[in-house]
Amino acid sequence: MEHQIPVNDMAQEETKTSPETHDNIPEPLREISQKVSEVFDEFKESETWEKILDARDQAREYITENPVNSFFYALGAGVFLGFLLKRK
């Protein structure tokens, strides 16, 4: 008994990024999306974005230098949030 396994050639398939994909999005939603994108691009150029990236890098450094302490801080925060958000 022979089985044929269908093979998809990825080179033959074209990605569907044509303008017709965006035709299904309502105009007000498209405008809101564009405005949000512009605001986020402006935010990425701000000083606050740089501070966030610096804090992220410092957190990564601390975690790699102190993995045990980081584990217990995360565990404590999880327990605290668990008690705080516990269902009654």
PDB file of N, CA and C in Angstrom:
ATOM      1  N   MET A   1       0.845  -1.172   0.000  1.00  0.00           N
ATOM      2  CA  MET A   1       0.000   0.000   0.000  1.00  0.00           C
ATOM      3  C   MET A   1       0.894   1.240   0.000  1.00  0.00           C
ATOM      4  N   GLU A   2       0.697   2.099  -0.970  1.00  0.00           N
ATOM      5  CA  GLU A   2       1.501   3.320  -1.070  1.00  0.00           C
ATOM      6  C   GLU A   2       0.704   4.501  -0.553  1.00  0.00           C
ATOM      7  N   HIS A   3       1.384   5.334   0.209  1.00  0.00           N
ATOM      8  CA  HIS A   3       0.763   6.561   0.683  1.00  0.00           C
ATOM      9  C   HIS A   3       1.493   7.730   0.054  1.00  0.00           C
ATOM     10  N   GLN A   4       0.733   8.674  -0.402  1.00  0.00           N
ATOM     11  CA  GLN A   4       1.343   9.882  -0.944  1.00  0.00           C
ATOM     12  C   GLN A   4       1.192  10.991   0.085  1.00  0.00           C
ATOM     13  N   ILE A   5       2.306  11.588   0.386  1.00  0.00           N
ATOM     14  CA  ILE A   5       2.309  12.676   1.351  1.00  0.00           C
ATOM     15  C   ILE A   5       2.318  13.980   0.570  1.00  0.00           C
ATOM     16  N   PRO A   6       1.310  14.822   0.776  1.00  0.00           N
ATOM     17  CA  PRO A   6       1.303  16.103   0.039  1.00  0.00           C
ATOM     18  C   PRO A   6       2.428  17.007   0.542  1.00  0.00           C
ATOM     19  N   VAL A   7       3.110  17.609  -0.387  1.00  0.00           N
ATOM     20  CA  VAL A   7       4.222  18.484  -0.066  1.00  0.00           C
ATOM     21  C   VAL A   7       3.878  19.885  -0.549  1.00  0.00           C
ATOM     22  N   ASN A   8       3.971  20.841   0.360  1.00  0.00           N
ATOM     23  CA  ASN A   8       3.736  22.238   0.004  1.00  0.00           C
ATOM     24  C   ASN A   8       5.065  22.905  -0.261  1.00  0.00           C
ATOM     25  N   ASP A   9       5.220  23.450  -1.432  1.00  0.00           N
ATOM     26  CA  ASP A   9       6.440  24.168  -1.770  1.00  0.00           C
ATOM     27  C   ASP A   9       6.248  25.622  -1.375  1.00  0.00           C
ATOM     28  N   MET A  10       6.986  26.060  -0.352  1.00  0.00           N
ATOM     29  CA  MET A  10       6.822  27.420   0.171  1.00  0.00           C
ATOM     30  C   MET A  10       7.223  28.471  -0.848  1.00  0.00           C
ATOM     31  N   ALA A  11       8.115  28.139  -1.763  1.00  0.00           N
ATOM     32  CA  ALA A  11       8.550  29.114  -2.763  1.00  0.00           C
ATOM     33  C   ALA A  11       7.430  29.436  -3.731  1.00  0.00           C
ATOM     34  N   GLN A  12       6.526  28.495  -3.955  1.00  0.00           N
ATOM     35  CA  GLN A  12       5.456  28.717  -4.912  1.00  0.00           C
ATOM     36  C   GLN A  12       4.322  29.540  -4.319  1.00  0.00           C
ATOM     37  N   GLU A  13       4.158  29.430  -3.006  1.00  0.00           N
ATOM     38  CA  GLU A  13       3.070  30.160  -2.356  1.00  0.00           C
ATOM     39  C   GLU A  13       3.436  31.630  -2.206  1.00  0.00           C
ATOM     40  N   GLU A  14       2.489  32.484  -2.525  1.00  0.00           N
ATOM     41  CA  GLU A  14       2.706  33.921  -2.371  1.00  0.00           C
ATOM     42  C   GLU A  14       2.027  34.386  -1.094  1.00  0.00           C
ATOM     43  N   THR A  15       2.674  35.260  -0.396  1.00  0.00           N
ATOM     44  CA  THR A  15       2.078  35.818   0.808  1.00  0.00           C
ATOM     45  C   THR A  15       0.989  36.795   0.397  1.00  0.00           C
ATOM     46  N   LYS A  16      -0.041  36.798   1.170  1.00  0.00           N
ATOM     47  CA  LYS A  16      -1.178  37.641   0.832  1.00  0.00           C
ATOM     48  C   LYS A  16      -1.080  38.966   1.575  1.00  0.00           C
ATOM     49  N   THR A  17      -0.368  39.897   1.012  1.00  0.00           N
ATOM     50  CA  THR A  17      -0.251  41.231   1.602  1.00  0.00           C
ATOM     51  C   THR A  17      -0.756  42.272   0.606  1.00  0.00           C
ATOM     52  N   SER A  18      -1.720  41.892  -0.148  1.00  0.00           N
ATOM     53  CA  SER A  18      -2.249  42.802  -1.157  1.00  0.00           C
ATOM     54  C   SER A  18      -3.195  43.807  -0.511  1.00  0.00           C
ATOM     55  N   PRO A  19      -3.476  44.905  -1.214  1.00  0.00           N
ATOM     56  CA  PRO A  19      -4.377  45.925  -0.655  1.00  0.00           C
ATOM     57  C   PRO A  19      -5.771  45.410  -0.377  1.00  0.00           C
ATOM     58  N   GLU A  20      -6.188  44.328  -1.037  1.00  0.00           N
ATOM     59  CA  GLU A  20      -7.524  43.813  -0.801  1.00  0.00           C
ATOM     60  C   GLU A  20      -7.691  43.288   0.622  1.00  0.00           C
ATOM     61  N   THR A  21      -6.606  42.962   1.285  1.00  0.00           N
ATOM     62  CA  THR A  21      -6.667  42.527   2.672  1.00  0.00           C
ATOM     63  C   THR A  21      -7.128  43.666   3.561  1.00  0.00           C
ATOM     64  N   HIS A  22      -6.720  44.879   3.256  1.00  0.00           N
ATOM     65  CA  HIS A  22      -7.072  46.046   4.058  1.00  0.00           C
ATOM     66  C   HIS A  22      -8.437  46.608   3.693  1.00  0.00           C
ATOM     67  N   ASP A  23      -9.057  46.124   2.641  1.00  0.00           N
ATOM     68  CA  ASP A  23     -10.373  46.629   2.249  1.00  0.00           C
ATOM     69  C   ASP A  23     -11.461  46.205   3.216  1.00  0.00           C
ATOM     70  N   ASN A  24     -11.246  45.130   3.956  1.00  0.00           N
ATOM     71  CA  ASN A  24     -12.254  44.639   4.888  1.00  0.00           C
ATOM     72  C   ASN A  24     -12.262  45.420   6.198  1.00  0.00           C
ATOM     73  N   ILE A  25     -11.251  46.243   6.447  1.00  0.00           N
ATOM     74  CA  ILE A  25     -11.161  47.020   7.678  1.00  0.00           C
ATOM     75  C   ILE A  25     -11.954  48.314   7.501  1.00  0.00           C
ATOM     76  N   PRO A  26     -12.875  48.607   8.425  1.00  0.00           N
ATOM     77  CA  PRO A  26     -13.650  49.854   8.319  1.00  0.00           C
ATOM     78  C   PRO A  26     -12.738  51.076   8.409  1.00  0.00           C
ATOM     79  N   GLU A  27     -13.142  52.141   7.756  1.00  0.00           N
ATOM     80  CA  GLU A  27     -12.337  53.366   7.686  1.00  0.00           C
ATOM     81  C   GLU A  27     -12.061  53.965   9.066  1.00  0.00           C
ATOM     82  N   PRO A  28     -13.050  54.083   9.970  1.00  0.00           N
ATOM     83  CA  PRO A  28     -12.739  54.653  11.300  1.00  0.00           C
ATOM     84  C   PRO A  28     -11.689  53.831  12.055  1.00  0.00           C
ATOM     85  N   LEU A  29     -11.768  52.523  11.948  1.00  0.00           N
ATOM     86  CA  LEU A  29     -10.795  51.663  12.620  1.00  0.00           C
ATOM     87  C   LEU A  29      -9.416  51.827  11.999  1.00  0.00           C
ATOM     88  N   ARG A  30      -9.360  51.998  10.690  1.00  0.00           N
ATOM     89  CA  ARG A  30      -8.086  52.200  10.008  1.00  0.00           C
ATOM     90  C   ARG A  30      -7.456  53.525  10.441  1.00  0.00           C
ATOM     91  N   GLU A  31      -8.279  54.585  10.588  1.00  0.00           N
ATOM     92  CA  GLU A  31      -7.760  55.887  11.029  1.00  0.00           C
ATOM     93  C   GLU A  31      -7.229  55.810  12.454  1.00  0.00           C
ATOM     94  N   ILE A  32      -7.965  55.132  13.332  1.00  0.00           N
ATOM     95  CA  ILE A  32      -7.527  54.984  14.715  1.00  0.00           C
ATOM     96  C   ILE A  32      -6.216  54.207  14.762  1.00  0.00           C
ATOM     97  N   SER A  33      -6.128  53.168  13.971  1.00  0.00           N
ATOM     98  CA  SER A  33      -4.903  52.372  13.918  1.00  0.00           C
ATOM     99  C   SER A  33      -3.721  53.212  13.462  1.00  0.00           C
ATOM    100  N   GLN A  34      -3.947  54.052  12.484  1.00  0.00           N
ATOM    101  CA  GLN A  34      -2.869  54.905  11.975  1.00  0.00           C
ATOM    102  C   GLN A  34      -2.433  55.913  13.038  1.00  0.00           C
ATOM    103  N   LYS A  35      -3.392  56.508  13.743  1.00  0.00           N
ATOM    104  CA  LYS A  35      -3.059  57.478  14.786  1.00  0.00           C
ATOM    105  C   LYS A  35      -2.293  56.822  15.935  1.00  0.00           C
ATOM    106  N   VAL A  36      -2.717  55.635  16.338  1.00  0.00           N
ATOM    107  CA  VAL A  36      -2.024  54.920  17.403  1.00  0.00           C
ATOM    108  C   VAL A  36      -0.599  54.600  16.979  1.00  0.00           C
ATOM    109  N   SER A  37      -0.443  54.207  15.732  1.00  0.00           N
ATOM    110  CA  SER A  37       0.890  53.903  15.217  1.00  0.00           C
ATOM    111  C   SER A  37       1.781  55.148  15.226  1.00  0.00           C
ATOM    112  N   GLU A  38       1.233  56.291  14.844  1.00  0.00           N
ATOM    113  CA  GLU A  38       2.007  57.536  14.840  1.00  0.00           C
ATOM    114  C   GLU A  38       2.398  57.937  16.259  1.00  0.00           C
ATOM    115  N   VAL A  39       1.467  57.812  17.205  1.00  0.00           N
ATOM    116  CA  VAL A  39       1.754  58.178  18.594  1.00  0.00           C
ATOM    117  C   VAL A  39       2.829  57.259  19.168  1.00  0.00           C
ATOM    118  N   PHE A  40       2.742  55.963  18.861  1.00  0.00           N
ATOM    119  CA  PHE A  40       3.749  55.032  19.360  1.00  0.00           C
ATOM    120  C   PHE A  40       5.122  55.329  18.753  1.00  0.00           C
ATOM    121  N   ASP A  41       5.159  55.697  17.474  1.00  0.00           N
ATOM    122  CA  ASP A  41       6.439  56.052  16.850  1.00  0.00           C
ATOM    123  C   ASP A  41       7.041  57.291  17.513  1.00  0.00           C
ATOM    124  N   GLU A  42       6.198  58.275  17.857  1.00  0.00           N
ATOM    125  CA  GLU A  42       6.684  59.463  18.563  1.00  0.00           C
ATOM    126  C   GLU A  42       7.193  59.084  19.955  1.00  0.00           C
ATOM    127  N   PHE A  43       6.480  58.180  20.623  1.00  0.00           N
ATOM    128  CA  PHE A  43       6.890  57.750  21.958  1.00  0.00           C
ATOM    129  C   PHE A  43       8.240  57.038  21.912  1.00  0.00           C
ATOM    130  N   LYS A  44       8.476  56.252  20.863  1.00  0.00           N
ATOM    131  CA  LYS A  44       9.743  55.536  20.747  1.00  0.00           C
ATOM    132  C   LYS A  44      10.916  56.489  20.555  1.00  0.00           C
ATOM    133  N   GLU A  45      10.657  57.701  20.101  1.00  0.00           N
ATOM    134  CA  GLU A  45      11.712  58.690  19.922  1.00  0.00           C
ATOM    135  C   GLU A  45      11.922  59.538  21.175  1.00  0.00           C
ATOM    136  N   SER A  46      11.092  59.356  22.193  1.00  0.00           N
ATOM    137  CA  SER A  46      11.164  60.195  23.383  1.00  0.00           C
ATOM    138  C   SER A  46      12.220  59.693  24.357  1.00  0.00           C
ATOM    139  N   GLU A  47      12.478  60.528  25.354  1.00  0.00           N
ATOM    140  CA  GLU A  47      13.446  60.190  26.406  1.00  0.00           C
ATOM    141  C   GLU A  47      12.904  59.103  27.323  1.00  0.00           C
ATOM    142  N   THR A  48      11.598  59.062  27.494  1.00  0.00           N
ATOM    143  CA  THR A  48      10.981  58.049  28.343  1.00  0.00           C
ATOM    144  C   THR A  48      11.238  56.650  27.790  1.00  0.00           C
ATOM    145  N   TRP A  49      11.180  56.503  26.485  1.00  0.00           N
ATOM    146  CA  TRP A  49      11.445  55.212  25.857  1.00  0.00           C
ATOM    147  C   TRP A  49      12.874  54.746  26.163  1.00  0.00           C
ATOM    148  N   GLU A  50      13.813  55.692  26.112  1.00  0.00           N
ATOM    149  CA  GLU A  50      15.203  55.371  26.427  1.00  0.00           C
ATOM    150  C   GLU A  50      15.338  54.938  27.886  1.00  0.00           C
ATOM    151  N   LYS A  51      14.609  55.591  28.795  1.00  0.00           N
ATOM    152  CA  LYS A  51      14.648  55.209  30.201  1.00  0.00           C
ATOM    153  C   LYS A  51      14.084  53.809  30.408  1.00  0.00           C
ATOM    154  N   ILE A  52      13.028  53.483  29.675  1.00  0.00           N
ATOM    155  CA  ILE A  52      12.440  52.146  29.775  1.00  0.00           C
ATOM    156  C   ILE A  52      13.433  51.099  29.294  1.00  0.00           C
ATOM    157  N   LEU A  53      14.116  51.367  28.188  1.00  0.00           N
ATOM    158  CA  LEU A  53      15.104  50.426  27.667  1.00  0.00           C
ATOM    159  C   LEU A  53      16.283  50.264  28.627  1.00  0.00           C
ATOM    160  N   ASP A  54      16.705  51.375  29.258  1.00  0.00           N
ATOM    161  CA  ASP A  54      17.785  51.293  30.246  1.00  0.00           C
ATOM    162  C   ASP A  54      17.363  50.462  31.462  1.00  0.00           C
ATOM    163  N   ALA A  55      16.129  50.662  31.936  1.00  0.00           N
ATOM    164  CA  ALA A  55      15.630  49.897  33.073  1.00  0.00           C
ATOM    165  C   ALA A  55      15.542  48.415  32.719  1.00  0.00           C
ATOM    166  N   ARG A  56      15.128  48.117  31.500  1.00  0.00           N
ATOM    167  CA  ARG A  56      15.067  46.725  31.066  1.00  0.00           C
ATOM    168  C   ARG A  56      16.460  46.086  31.073  1.00  0.00           C
ATOM    169  N   ASP A  57      17.445  46.824  30.574  1.00  0.00           N
ATOM    170  CA  ASP A  57      18.814  46.309  30.549  1.00  0.00           C
ATOM    171  C   ASP A  57      19.357  46.105  31.963  1.00  0.00           C
ATOM    172  N   GLN A  58      19.063  47.049  32.862  1.00  0.00           N
ATOM    173  CA  GLN A  58      19.511  46.905  34.248  1.00  0.00           C
ATOM    174  C   GLN A  58      18.851  45.701  34.912  1.00  0.00           C
ATOM    175  N   ALA A  59      17.573  45.481  34.626  1.00  0.00           N
ATOM    176  CA  ALA A  59      16.870  44.332  35.199  1.00  0.00           C
ATOM    177  C   ALA A  59      17.474  43.031  34.690  1.00  0.00           C
ATOM    178  N   ARG A  60      17.791  42.980  33.409  1.00  0.00           N
ATOM    179  CA  ARG A  60      18.417  41.772  32.852  1.00  0.00           C
ATOM    180  C   ARG A  60      19.771  41.513  33.504  1.00  0.00           C
ATOM    181  N   GLU A  61      20.547  42.568  33.689  1.00  0.00           N
ATOM    182  CA  GLU A  61      21.852  42.412  34.326  1.00  0.00           C
ATOM    183  C   GLU A  61      21.708  41.903  35.760  1.00  0.00           C
ATOM    184  N   TYR A  62      20.755  42.477  36.501  1.00  0.00           N
ATOM    185  CA  TYR A  62      20.547  42.056  37.890  1.00  0.00           C
ATOM    186  C   TYR A  62      20.122  40.592  37.952  1.00  0.00           C
ATOM    187  N   ILE A  63      19.247  40.205  37.051  1.00  0.00           N
ATOM    188  CA  ILE A  63      18.756  38.824  37.056  1.00  0.00           C
ATOM    189  C   ILE A  63      19.879  37.844  36.733  1.00  0.00           C
ATOM    190  N   THR A  64      20.742  38.197  35.774  1.00  0.00           N
ATOM    191  CA  THR A  64      21.833  37.284  35.437  1.00  0.00           C
ATOM    192  C   THR A  64      22.889  37.242  36.540  1.00  0.00           C
ATOM    193  N   GLU A  65      23.077  38.349  37.263  1.00  0.00           N
ATOM    194  CA  GLU A  65      24.072  38.376  38.337  1.00  0.00           C
ATOM    195  C   GLU A  65      23.541  37.758  39.633  1.00  0.00           C
ATOM    196  N   ASN A  66      22.242  37.854  39.861  1.00  0.00           N
ATOM    197  CA  ASN A  66      21.636  37.363  41.100  1.00  0.00           C
ATOM    198  C   ASN A  66      20.406  36.499  40.794  1.00  0.00           C
ATOM    199  N   PRO A  67      20.571  35.326  40.234  1.00  0.00           N
ATOM    200  CA  PRO A  67      19.397  34.540  39.838  1.00  0.00           C
ATOM    201  C   PRO A  67      18.563  34.047  41.021  1.00  0.00           C
ATOM    202  N   VAL A  68      19.204  33.698  42.138  1.00  0.00           N
ATOM    203  CA  VAL A  68      18.451  33.185  43.286  1.00  0.00           C
ATOM    204  C   VAL A  68      17.609  34.296  43.905  1.00  0.00           C
ATOM    205  N   ASN A  69      18.217  35.456  44.115  1.00  0.00           N
ATOM    206  CA  ASN A  69      17.457  36.582  44.666  1.00  0.00           C
ATOM    207  C   ASN A  69      16.297  36.959  43.744  1.00  0.00           C
ATOM    208  N   SER A  70      16.557  36.967  42.446  1.00  0.00           N
ATOM    209  CA  SER A  70      15.513  37.312  41.479  1.00  0.00           C
ATOM    210  C   SER A  70      14.363  36.319  41.554  1.00  0.00           C
ATOM    211  N   PHE A  71      14.701  35.040  41.720  1.00  0.00           N
ATOM    212  CA  PHE A  71      13.663  34.016  41.839  1.00  0.00           C
ATOM    213  C   PHE A  71      12.784  34.284  43.055  1.00  0.00           C
ATOM    214  N   PHE A  72      13.403  34.559  44.195  1.00  0.00           N
ATOM    215  CA  PHE A  72      12.611  34.770  45.404  1.00  0.00           C
ATOM    216  C   PHE A  72      11.819  36.076  45.357  1.00  0.00           C
ATOM    217  N   TYR A  73      12.350  37.107  44.712  1.00  0.00           N
ATOM    218  CA  TYR A  73      11.564  38.337  44.520  1.00  0.00           C
ATOM    219  C   TYR A  73      10.333  38.056  43.666  1.00  0.00           C
ATOM    220  N   ALA A  74      10.516  37.309  42.592  1.00  0.00           N
ATOM    221  CA  ALA A  74       9.389  36.981  41.721  1.00  0.00           C
ATOM    222  C   ALA A  74       8.378  36.100  42.445  1.00  0.00           C
ATOM    223  N   LEU A  75       8.876  35.150  43.227  1.00  0.00           N
ATOM    224  CA  LEU A  75       7.990  34.284  44.002  1.00  0.00           C
ATOM    225  C   LEU A  75       7.188  35.101  45.009  1.00  0.00           C
ATOM    226  N   GLY A  76       7.864  36.010  45.716  1.00  0.00           N
ATOM    227  CA  GLY A  76       7.170  36.857  46.688  1.00  0.00           C
ATOM    228  C   GLY A  76       6.140  37.756  46.030  1.00  0.00           C
ATOM    229  N   ALA A  77       6.485  38.309  44.888  1.00  0.00           N
ATOM    230  CA  ALA A  77       5.526  39.164  44.181  1.00  0.00           C
ATOM    231  C   ALA A  77       4.327  38.343  43.724  1.00  0.00           C
ATOM    232  N   GLY A  78       4.573  37.113  43.274  1.00  0.00           N
ATOM    233  CA  GLY A  78       3.471  36.256  42.846  1.00  0.00           C
ATOM    234  C   GLY A  78       2.551  35.884  43.982  1.00  0.00           C
ATOM    235  N   VAL A  79       3.141  35.566  45.141  1.00  0.00           N
ATOM    236  CA  VAL A  79       2.324  35.227  46.315  1.00  0.00           C
ATOM    237  C   VAL A  79       1.515  36.441  46.755  1.00  0.00           C
ATOM    238  N   PHE A  80       2.157  37.599  46.776  1.00  0.00           N
ATOM    239  CA  PHE A  80       1.459  38.822  47.187  1.00  0.00           C
ATOM    240  C   PHE A  80       0.296  39.128  46.243  1.00  0.00           C
ATOM    241  N   LEU A  81       0.561  39.067  44.935  1.00  0.00           N
ATOM    242  CA  LEU A  81      -0.520  39.325  43.968  1.00  0.00           C
ATOM    243  C   LEU A  81      -1.589  38.251  44.041  1.00  0.00           C
ATOM    244  N   GLY A  82      -1.192  37.013  44.339  1.00  0.00           N
ATOM    245  CA  GLY A  82      -2.176  35.945  44.496  1.00  0.00           C
ATOM    246  C   GLY A  82      -3.118  36.208  45.652  1.00  0.00           C
ATOM    247  N   PHE A  83      -2.573  36.661  46.786  1.00  0.00           N
ATOM    248  CA  PHE A  83      -3.427  36.996  47.923  1.00  0.00           C
ATOM    249  C   PHE A  83      -4.270  38.238  47.645  1.00  0.00           C
ATOM    250  N   LEU A  84      -3.699  39.176  46.934  1.00  0.00           N
ATOM    251  CA  LEU A  84      -4.395  40.420  46.640  1.00  0.00           C
ATOM    252  C   LEU A  84      -5.553  40.204  45.676  1.00  0.00           C
ATOM    253  N   LEU A  85      -5.354  39.372  44.692  1.00  0.00           N
ATOM    254  CA  LEU A  85      -6.362  39.165  43.653  1.00  0.00           C
ATOM    255  C   LEU A  85      -7.154  37.875  43.844  1.00  0.00           C
ATOM    256  N   LYS A  86      -7.080  37.299  45.034  1.00  0.00           N
ATOM    257  CA  LYS A  86      -7.743  36.030  45.316  1.00  0.00           C
ATOM    258  C   LYS A  86      -9.251  36.181  45.213  1.00  0.00           C
ATOM    259  N   ARG A  87      -9.863  35.152  44.615  1.00  0.00           N
ATOM    260  CA  ARG A  87     -11.322  35.143  44.523  1.00  0.00           C
ATOM    261  C   ARG A  87     -11.909  34.816  45.893  1.00  0.00           C
ATOM    262  N   LYS A  88     -13.041  35.407  46.171  1.00  0.00           N
ATOM    263  CA  LYS A  88     -13.686  35.177  47.466  1.00  0.00           C
ATOM    264  C   LYS A  88     -14.874  34.293  47.315  1.00  0.00           C
TER     265      LYS A  88
END
